[in-house]
Amino acid sequence: MLNKVKNLLFIVEKIGPYHNSRFNYLSKFKKFKISVIETNSESRTYLWEEVKNTNYTIYKLKNNQKRYKKFADINHQIIGILSESNPELIFITGWYEKTHHFLIYKSYFKKIPIIILSDSRYRDDKRIFFKETIKRILLKSFSSAIVAGRESADYLMKLNFKECDIFRPYNVVDNNYFLNPYVNNKNIYSNYFLCIARFIKVKNYQKLIKGFEIYKNKRGVLNLLIIGSGPEEKLIKEIKNKSKFSNSIFLESWKKTSLLPQYYKEAKATVLASTKETWGLVINESMAAGTPCIVSKNCGCYLDLIEEEETGWGFDPNNEIELSNVFLKVEKINQKELNKMKNNIKSKMNNFNLDNFRQAVDEAIENSLKNRKASFISSILAYILYALKN
C-alpha cells in the first residue's frame, strides 16, 4: 500500500534548512513527489537564507492586504494548489493557522488523510479549557502524528490522541552536514562555550551571562561566544559591556547555516539556556558535529537527547550558580572522557537522523491509510475557525 503513495503535501510557515533537508531526503530516497505550501514566506522570525537545490515544488501563499478579499483569495489559492499537487496525504504543522484550519476542512470532503507534525508540549503555555477542547475536536481529523519527542507525544495523548497513532522523530537535521564542516571556513575564536540562538527574552541571555561571570570568578579560563540576532540585541550588548569579563564574551551576528559546523566543531560545549523551548534544534546540530551540550531542563530536547555526563549536562535555567558549576565541570573534562562522550553522542544521534524521520513518515503514512480518521464536526469547526480569522 505504501509503495503506491507518491504525492505528499506539507504545510510550513517558511522553509528553512531543516525543512529543506527533510523534504529533499524524502524526495531522493523514497521517490515521493513533495509539494510544500509556505504560509508566510516573508517571515523574519528566523533569518534563514533562501533555500536552493530543492527536489520538490514550493507554493508561496500570497496574502491579499484588502481584508474583504482575503477570504475568497486564500480559498482560491489553496484549492488551486490541491488541484495541481493532487496530494494523497497532507502533513500539517499544528492547529493554529487559518491555512491549517482550511486544509482540515477540505481534507474531510476530499477524503485525504492528514498527519500532524508537532513539537508542542503541555508546559509551553498556560492551558485554557475551551482552547484545549477545540484542539481535541480538531485532532479527530488527524489519522497520525509525527512528534519531536517524549513531551510532545505526552501532550497529544493528554488531548486524547491515541499513542498507537504517534510516531517519531520529527525534529531532525542533516547530521552528516554538521559532522563534516568545510575546512576553508575560518573561525577566529578558540577555547569557548558556544551559544547560538535568537536574541529574545526566552533565550535567557541575562542568566547565561551571569552564570558565565560566576564561572569566571571561580577562575574559569574559557570564553563565551554568542551568535544570533533579534530584538534584545541592544540589551545583550549592554550586559556584555558592563561585565568585568567583557573581554571573554564575544557577540557575532546571525550566520548562514553553511558557516555553523565549524563553530560547533571547535566549541568546548554548546549551551542553550532557554526558559521555554519546544525543542532546540541547535542541540541536534551541535551533537551531530560531535560537540557535547549544556541544556536547560526547560528545553524539549533535554529529555530525549541529554543523558547526564554521557551526552551532555542539564541545568535549571533560573539557577546561574548551577550553570557556573556545569561550566567548570565541562572545562575540566579530560580527553579520554571527551572521547567516550563523543561516542555516546554519535550513538544517540543515530536515532535522530534524516532516515529516522523518513521511517516515521513511512509508518505514519501506512497507519493513516489503514486507519483513516475523519470527523464531520471537526471539519465544520475548522471551517468556522478559518472564517473567523479572515
Protein backbone atom coordinates (compact mmCIF):
# COMPACT_ATOMS: atom_id res chain seq x y z
CA MET A 1 0.00 0.00 0.00
CA LEU A 2 2.81 2.40 0.95
CA ASN A 3 4.64 1.81 -2.33
CA LYS A 4 1.67 3.21 -4.24
CA VAL A 5 1.81 6.57 -2.46
CA LYS A 6 3.63 9.27 -4.41
CA ASN A 7 2.16 12.72 -3.78
CA LEU A 8 2.66 14.33 -0.37
CA LEU A 9 1.76 17.88 0.63
CA PHE A 10 3.45 19.66 3.56
CA ILE A 11 2.48 22.98 5.10
CA VAL A 12 5.06 25.19 6.85
CA GLU A 13 5.28 28.88 7.70
CA LYS A 14 8.60 29.27 5.89
CA ILE A 15 11.04 26.72 4.53
CA GLY A 16 14.32 26.69 6.43
CA PRO A 17 17.41 24.49 6.15
CA TYR A 18 15.88 21.81 8.40
CA HIS A 19 12.78 21.51 6.24
CA ASN A 20 14.83 21.54 3.07
CA SER A 21 16.98 18.63 4.23
CA ARG A 22 13.95 16.56 5.21
CA PHE A 23 11.98 17.22 2.02
CA ASN A 24 14.97 16.55 -0.22
CA TYR A 25 15.70 13.31 1.64
CA LEU A 26 12.12 12.07 1.23
CA SER A 27 12.21 13.01 -2.44
CA LYS A 28 15.58 11.42 -3.12
CA PHE A 29 15.35 8.18 -1.14
CA LYS A 30 11.63 7.49 -1.23
CA LYS A 31 10.89 8.99 -4.65
CA PHE A 32 7.97 10.90 -3.18
CA LYS A 33 6.68 13.84 -5.17
CA ILE A 34 6.77 16.51 -2.47
CA SER A 35 4.80 19.76 -2.59
CA VAL A 36 5.16 22.41 0.12
CA ILE A 37 2.93 25.36 0.96
CA GLU A 38 4.72 28.29 2.58
CA THR A 39 2.07 30.23 4.50
CA ASN A 40 4.34 33.21 5.21
CA SER A 41 7.45 33.21 3.03
CA GLU A 42 8.23 36.80 4.13
CA SER A 43 8.50 35.85 7.82
CA ARG A 44 11.55 37.34 9.59
CA THR A 45 11.25 35.16 12.69
CA TYR A 46 14.33 33.28 11.53
CA LEU A 47 16.88 34.88 9.21
CA TRP A 48 17.15 31.80 7.03
CA GLU A 49 18.75 32.20 3.64
CA GLU A 50 16.64 31.28 0.59
CA VAL A 51 16.73 27.51 0.11
CA LYS A 52 18.36 26.18 -3.03
CA ASN A 53 18.75 22.79 -4.73
CA THR A 54 15.20 21.74 -3.94
CA ASN A 55 13.81 18.46 -5.27
CA TYR A 56 10.26 19.48 -4.50
CA THR A 57 7.65 22.06 -5.53
CA ILE A 58 7.10 25.20 -3.45
CA TYR A 59 3.86 27.15 -3.34
CA LYS A 60 4.05 30.55 -1.66
CA LEU A 61 0.71 31.85 -0.41
CA LYS A 62 0.07 35.48 -1.35
CA ASN A 63 -1.67 37.38 1.40
CA ASN A 64 -4.05 39.93 -0.05
CA GLN A 65 -3.86 43.10 2.06
CA LYS A 66 -7.50 44.01 1.46
CA ARG A 67 -9.43 42.31 4.26
CA TYR A 68 -12.65 41.86 2.30
CA LYS A 69 -10.76 39.95 -0.40
CA LYS A 70 -8.67 37.70 1.86
CA PHE A 71 -11.27 35.01 2.44
CA ALA A 72 -12.00 34.28 -1.23
CA ASP A 73 -8.34 34.77 -2.21
CA ILE A 74 -6.92 32.19 0.22
CA ASN A 75 -9.71 29.77 -0.68
CA HIS A 76 -8.87 30.13 -4.36
CA GLN A 77 -5.13 29.69 -3.83
CA ILE A 78 -5.39 26.58 -1.66
CA ILE A 79 -7.99 24.90 -3.85
CA GLY A 80 -5.74 25.55 -6.85
CA ILE A 81 -2.72 24.05 -5.03
CA LEU A 82 -4.70 20.96 -4.02
CA SER A 83 -5.85 20.50 -7.62
CA GLU A 84 -2.33 20.89 -9.03
CA SER A 85 -0.42 18.86 -6.43
CA ASN A 86 -3.12 16.18 -6.06
CA PRO A 87 -1.89 15.02 -2.60
CA GLU A 88 -2.61 11.55 -1.29
CA LEU A 89 -1.69 12.68 2.23
CA ILE A 90 -1.33 16.09 3.85
CA PHE A 91 1.15 16.92 6.62
CA ILE A 92 0.10 19.88 8.77
CA THR A 93 2.39 21.61 11.29
CA GLY A 94 -0.11 22.32 14.03
CA TRP A 95 -3.66 23.54 14.56
CA TYR A 96 -3.26 27.30 14.93
CA GLU A 97 -3.04 28.90 11.45
CA LYS A 98 -6.02 29.65 9.21
CA THR A 99 -4.38 27.59 6.44
CA HIS A 100 -4.28 24.61 8.79
CA HIS A 101 -7.97 25.03 9.53
CA PHE A 102 -8.93 25.28 5.86
CA LEU A 103 -6.96 22.14 4.98
CA ILE A 104 -8.56 20.21 7.86
CA TYR A 105 -11.93 21.22 6.41
CA LYS A 106 -11.03 20.36 2.80
CA SER A 107 -9.41 17.04 3.69
CA TYR A 108 -12.71 15.74 5.05
CA PHE A 109 -14.62 16.29 1.81
CA LYS A 110 -11.72 15.24 -0.43
CA LYS A 111 -11.16 12.14 1.73
CA ILE A 112 -7.42 12.84 2.09
CA PRO A 113 -5.79 11.54 5.31
CA ILE A 114 -3.96 14.23 7.28
CA ILE A 115 -0.97 13.85 9.59
CA ILE A 116 0.05 16.35 12.24
CA LEU A 117 3.70 17.31 12.74
CA SER A 118 4.05 18.57 16.31
CA ASP A 119 6.64 19.59 18.88
CA SER A 120 4.21 21.34 21.24
CA ARG A 121 4.39 20.44 24.93
CA TYR A 122 1.79 20.81 27.67
CA ARG A 123 4.01 23.08 29.76
CA ASP A 124 4.83 25.54 26.98
CA ASP A 125 1.79 27.74 27.65
CA LYS A 126 -0.99 28.30 30.12
CA ARG A 127 -3.66 25.83 29.05
CA ILE A 128 -7.21 27.12 28.85
CA PHE A 129 -10.02 24.59 28.94
CA PHE A 130 -12.05 25.78 25.93
CA LYS A 131 -8.93 26.07 23.73
CA GLU A 132 -7.84 22.58 24.70
CA THR A 133 -11.34 21.33 23.89
CA ILE A 134 -11.08 22.86 20.42
CA LYS A 135 -7.77 21.06 19.88
CA ARG A 136 -9.29 17.74 20.98
CA ILE A 137 -12.05 18.16 18.41
CA LEU A 138 -9.66 19.22 15.62
CA LEU A 139 -7.39 16.24 16.33
CA LYS A 140 -10.25 13.88 15.48
CA SER A 141 -9.49 14.70 11.84
CA PHE A 142 -5.86 13.56 12.06
CA SER A 143 -5.05 9.95 11.28
CA SER A 144 -1.49 10.00 12.61
CA ALA A 145 1.08 12.25 14.26
CA ILE A 146 4.84 12.64 13.98
CA VAL A 147 6.24 14.30 17.09
CA ALA A 148 9.57 15.70 18.27
CA GLY A 149 9.96 13.64 21.43
CA ARG A 150 8.51 12.33 24.66
CA GLU A 151 6.92 15.54 25.90
CA SER A 152 5.20 16.34 22.62
CA ALA A 153 3.86 12.78 22.45
CA ASP A 154 2.58 13.08 26.03
CA TYR A 155 0.79 16.33 25.19
CA LEU A 156 -1.07 14.78 22.25
CA MET A 157 -2.13 11.91 24.47
CA LYS A 158 -3.47 14.45 27.00
CA LEU A 159 -5.61 15.68 24.11
CA ASN A 160 -6.98 12.13 23.67
CA PHE A 161 -4.83 11.24 20.68
CA LYS A 162 -4.02 7.52 20.69
CA GLU A 163 -0.43 6.50 21.42
CA CYS A 164 -0.55 3.87 18.66
CA ASP A 165 -1.07 6.67 16.10
CA ILE A 166 2.02 8.65 17.23
CA PHE A 167 5.43 8.27 15.58
CA ARG A 168 8.83 9.96 15.99
CA PRO A 169 11.18 11.70 15.45
CA TYR A 170 10.13 14.92 13.76
CA ASN A 171 12.91 17.33 14.81
CA VAL A 172 15.99 16.12 12.97
CA VAL A 173 18.76 17.80 10.98
CA ASP A 174 21.16 16.59 8.32
CA ASN A 175 23.69 15.07 10.74
CA ASN A 176 26.32 14.43 8.06
CA TYR A 177 26.32 18.11 7.10
CA PHE A 178 27.35 19.16 10.61
CA LEU A 179 29.76 16.27 11.09
CA ASN A 180 31.90 17.32 8.12
CA PRO A 181 32.39 21.11 8.11
CA TYR A 182 34.04 22.92 5.22
CA VAL A 183 37.71 23.22 6.13
CA ASN A 184 38.05 26.59 4.41
CA ASN A 185 35.71 28.32 6.86
CA LYS A 186 37.78 30.49 9.18
CA ASN A 187 36.93 30.72 12.87
CA ILE A 188 38.95 33.36 14.74
CA TYR A 189 37.74 32.17 18.15
CA SER A 190 39.12 29.41 20.37
CA ASN A 191 38.60 27.94 23.84
CA TYR A 192 34.95 28.86 24.09
CA PHE A 193 31.48 27.81 25.12
CA LEU A 194 29.08 28.43 22.25
CA CYS A 195 25.51 29.74 22.28
CA ILE A 196 23.57 30.08 19.01
CA ALA A 197 20.06 31.45 19.46
CA ARG A 198 17.78 34.34 18.63
CA PHE A 199 18.17 37.44 20.77
CA ILE A 200 14.80 37.19 22.51
CA LYS A 201 13.82 37.08 26.18
CA VAL A 202 13.07 33.34 26.47
CA LYS A 203 16.62 32.51 25.40
CA ASN A 204 17.61 33.73 28.88
CA TYR A 205 20.80 35.62 27.98
CA GLN A 206 20.91 37.54 31.27
CA LYS A 207 21.11 34.32 33.30
CA LEU A 208 23.52 32.81 30.77
CA ILE A 209 25.96 35.71 31.08
CA LYS A 210 25.53 35.85 34.86
CA GLY A 211 26.31 32.13 35.09
CA PHE A 212 29.37 32.70 32.92
CA GLU A 213 30.53 35.57 35.17
CA ILE A 214 30.24 33.37 38.27
CA TYR A 215 32.23 30.70 36.43
CA LYS A 216 34.96 33.25 35.60
CA ASN A 217 35.05 34.40 39.24
CA LYS A 218 35.81 30.77 40.09
CA ARG A 219 38.88 31.10 37.84
CA GLY A 220 37.33 29.57 34.77
CA VAL A 221 39.55 30.03 31.74
CA LEU A 222 37.22 29.58 28.75
CA ASN A 223 35.40 32.26 26.74
CA LEU A 224 31.74 32.62 25.75
CA LEU A 225 30.83 33.06 22.08
CA ILE A 226 27.24 34.14 21.33
CA ILE A 227 25.85 34.06 17.78
CA GLY A 228 22.40 35.40 16.90
CA SER A 229 20.17 38.36 16.16
CA GLY A 230 16.86 39.74 17.36
CA PRO A 231 15.06 42.47 19.30
CA GLU A 232 17.12 42.07 22.50
CA GLU A 233 20.47 42.60 20.78
CA LYS A 234 20.96 46.08 22.28
CA LEU A 235 20.22 44.81 25.81
CA ILE A 236 22.60 41.85 25.44
CA LYS A 237 25.38 44.16 24.24
CA GLU A 238 24.79 46.43 27.24
CA ILE A 239 25.00 43.46 29.65
CA LYS A 240 28.20 42.29 27.98
CA ASN A 241 29.82 45.75 28.03
CA LYS A 242 29.04 46.21 31.75
CA SER A 243 30.55 42.84 32.64
CA LYS A 244 34.04 42.84 34.12
CA PHE A 245 34.64 39.80 31.93
CA SER A 246 33.54 41.54 28.72
CA ASN A 247 36.88 40.68 27.11
CA SER A 248 35.93 37.00 27.39
CA ILE A 249 32.44 37.42 25.92
CA PHE A 250 32.09 37.70 22.14
CA LEU A 251 28.97 38.57 20.13
CA GLU A 252 28.54 37.68 16.47
CA SER A 253 25.60 38.35 14.19
CA TRP A 254 23.44 35.55 12.76
CA LYS A 255 25.40 33.19 10.48
CA LYS A 256 24.42 31.26 7.39
CA THR A 257 23.91 27.57 8.06
CA SER A 258 26.95 26.76 5.92
CA LEU A 259 29.19 28.60 8.42
CA LEU A 260 27.87 26.96 11.60
CA PRO A 261 29.52 23.49 11.57
CA GLN A 262 33.00 24.92 12.15
CA TYR A 263 31.80 26.91 15.18
CA TYR A 264 30.22 23.77 16.67
CA LYS A 265 33.27 21.63 15.96
CA GLU A 266 35.68 23.95 17.75
CA ALA A 267 33.50 24.67 20.79
CA LYS A 268 34.17 23.06 24.15
CA ALA A 269 30.39 22.71 24.51
CA THR A 270 27.22 24.31 23.16
CA VAL A 271 24.88 25.88 25.72
CA LEU A 272 21.15 26.58 25.42
CA ALA A 273 19.75 28.40 28.45
CA SER A 274 16.13 28.95 27.38
CA THR A 275 13.41 29.37 29.98
CA LYS A 276 10.98 27.88 27.42
CA GLU A 277 11.81 25.94 24.25
CA THR A 278 9.63 23.36 22.49
CA TRP A 279 12.77 21.56 21.32
CA GLY A 280 16.07 23.31 20.40
CA LEU A 281 17.46 22.15 17.04
CA VAL A 282 20.82 23.84 17.70
CA ILE A 283 21.43 20.96 20.11
CA ASN A 284 20.84 18.47 17.28
CA GLU A 285 23.33 20.42 15.17
CA SER A 286 25.96 20.55 17.90
CA MET A 287 25.65 16.87 18.76
CA ALA A 288 25.73 15.94 15.07
CA ALA A 289 29.07 17.76 14.95
CA GLY A 290 30.22 15.64 17.92
CA THR A 291 30.17 18.50 20.43
CA PRO A 292 28.58 17.91 23.86
CA CYS A 293 25.84 20.25 25.09
CA ILE A 294 24.76 22.09 28.23
CA VAL A 295 20.98 22.28 28.05
CA SER A 296 18.28 23.97 30.09
CA LYS A 297 15.92 21.37 31.54
CA ASN A 298 13.08 23.51 30.18
CA CYS A 299 14.04 22.62 26.59
CA GLY A 300 12.07 19.87 24.88
CA CYS A 301 15.21 18.16 23.59
CA TYR A 302 16.65 17.71 27.09
CA LEU A 303 14.70 14.53 27.92
CA ASP A 304 15.37 12.91 24.57
CA LEU A 305 18.95 13.94 23.75
CA ILE A 306 20.75 14.60 27.03
CA GLU A 307 21.94 11.83 29.30
CA GLU A 308 23.78 13.38 32.25
CA GLU A 309 27.56 13.29 31.76
CA GLU A 310 27.05 10.80 28.93
CA THR A 311 25.91 13.07 26.06
CA GLY A 312 25.81 16.39 27.92
CA TRP A 313 24.59 18.19 31.02
CA GLY A 314 21.31 19.72 32.15
CA PHE A 315 20.66 22.67 34.45
CA ASP A 316 17.88 24.79 35.91
CA PRO A 317 17.71 27.90 33.68
CA ASN A 318 16.81 30.05 36.70
CA ASN A 319 19.88 28.94 38.65
CA GLU A 320 23.02 30.69 37.37
CA ILE A 321 25.16 29.13 40.12
CA GLU A 322 24.24 25.64 38.88
CA LEU A 323 25.13 26.73 35.35
CA SER A 324 28.50 28.08 36.51
CA ASN A 325 29.27 24.74 38.16
CA VAL A 326 28.45 22.93 34.91
CA PHE A 327 30.79 25.27 33.04
CA LEU A 328 33.58 24.34 35.49
CA LYS A 329 32.82 20.65 35.14
CA VAL A 330 32.98 20.86 31.33
CA GLU A 331 36.22 22.83 31.41
CA LYS A 332 37.92 20.10 33.45
CA ILE A 333 36.83 17.14 31.31
CA ASN A 334 39.85 15.21 30.03
CA GLN A 335 40.39 13.84 26.53
CA LYS A 336 39.56 10.24 27.49
CA GLU A 337 36.23 11.32 28.99
CA LEU A 338 35.54 13.57 26.00
CA ASN A 339 36.18 10.74 23.52
CA LYS A 340 33.80 8.48 25.43
CA MET A 341 31.18 11.24 25.41
CA LYS A 342 31.61 11.76 21.66
CA ASN A 343 30.95 8.06 21.08
CA ASN A 344 27.82 8.28 23.23
CA ILE A 345 26.68 11.33 21.27
CA LYS A 346 27.21 9.52 17.98
CA SER A 347 25.07 6.61 19.20
CA LYS A 348 22.35 8.96 20.39
CA MET A 349 22.23 10.86 17.10
CA ASN A 350 21.85 7.59 15.18
CA ASN A 351 18.27 7.73 16.45
CA PHE A 352 17.75 11.33 15.32
CA ASN A 353 18.76 11.50 11.68
CA LEU A 354 17.04 12.01 8.34
CA ASP A 355 16.48 8.32 7.86
CA ASN A 356 14.73 8.07 11.23
CA PHE A 357 12.42 10.86 10.07
CA ARG A 358 11.86 9.06 6.78
CA GLN A 359 10.92 5.91 8.69
CA ALA A 360 8.48 7.89 10.87
CA VAL A 361 6.87 9.30 7.71
CA ASP A 362 6.56 5.79 6.26
CA GLU A 363 4.95 4.46 9.43
CA ALA A 364 2.58 7.43 9.71
CA ILE A 365 1.51 7.02 6.08
CA GLU A 366 0.92 3.28 6.49
CA ASN A 367 -1.06 3.86 9.66
CA SER A 368 -3.12 6.65 8.08
CA LEU A 369 -4.03 4.63 5.02
CA LYS A 370 -5.14 1.67 7.13
CA ASN A 371 -6.95 3.69 9.79
CA ARG A 372 -8.01 6.97 8.25
CA LYS A 373 -9.70 9.25 10.77
CA ALA A 374 -12.44 11.65 9.66
CA SER A 375 -14.83 13.84 11.61
CA PHE A 376 -17.58 15.98 10.16
CA ILE A 377 -17.83 18.01 13.40
CA SER A 378 -14.09 18.57 13.39
CA SER A 379 -14.14 19.74 9.77
CA ILE A 380 -17.01 22.17 10.39
CA LEU A 381 -15.26 23.57 13.47
CA ALA A 382 -12.10 24.02 11.40
CA TYR A 383 -14.05 25.93 8.77
CA ILE A 384 -15.63 28.20 11.40
CA LEU A 385 -12.16 28.94 12.86
CA TYR A 386 -10.87 29.64 9.37
CA ALA A 387 -13.74 32.03 8.63
CA LEU A 388 -13.24 33.87 11.92
CA LYS A 389 -9.59 34.53 11.08
CA ASN A 390 -10.43 36.17 7.74
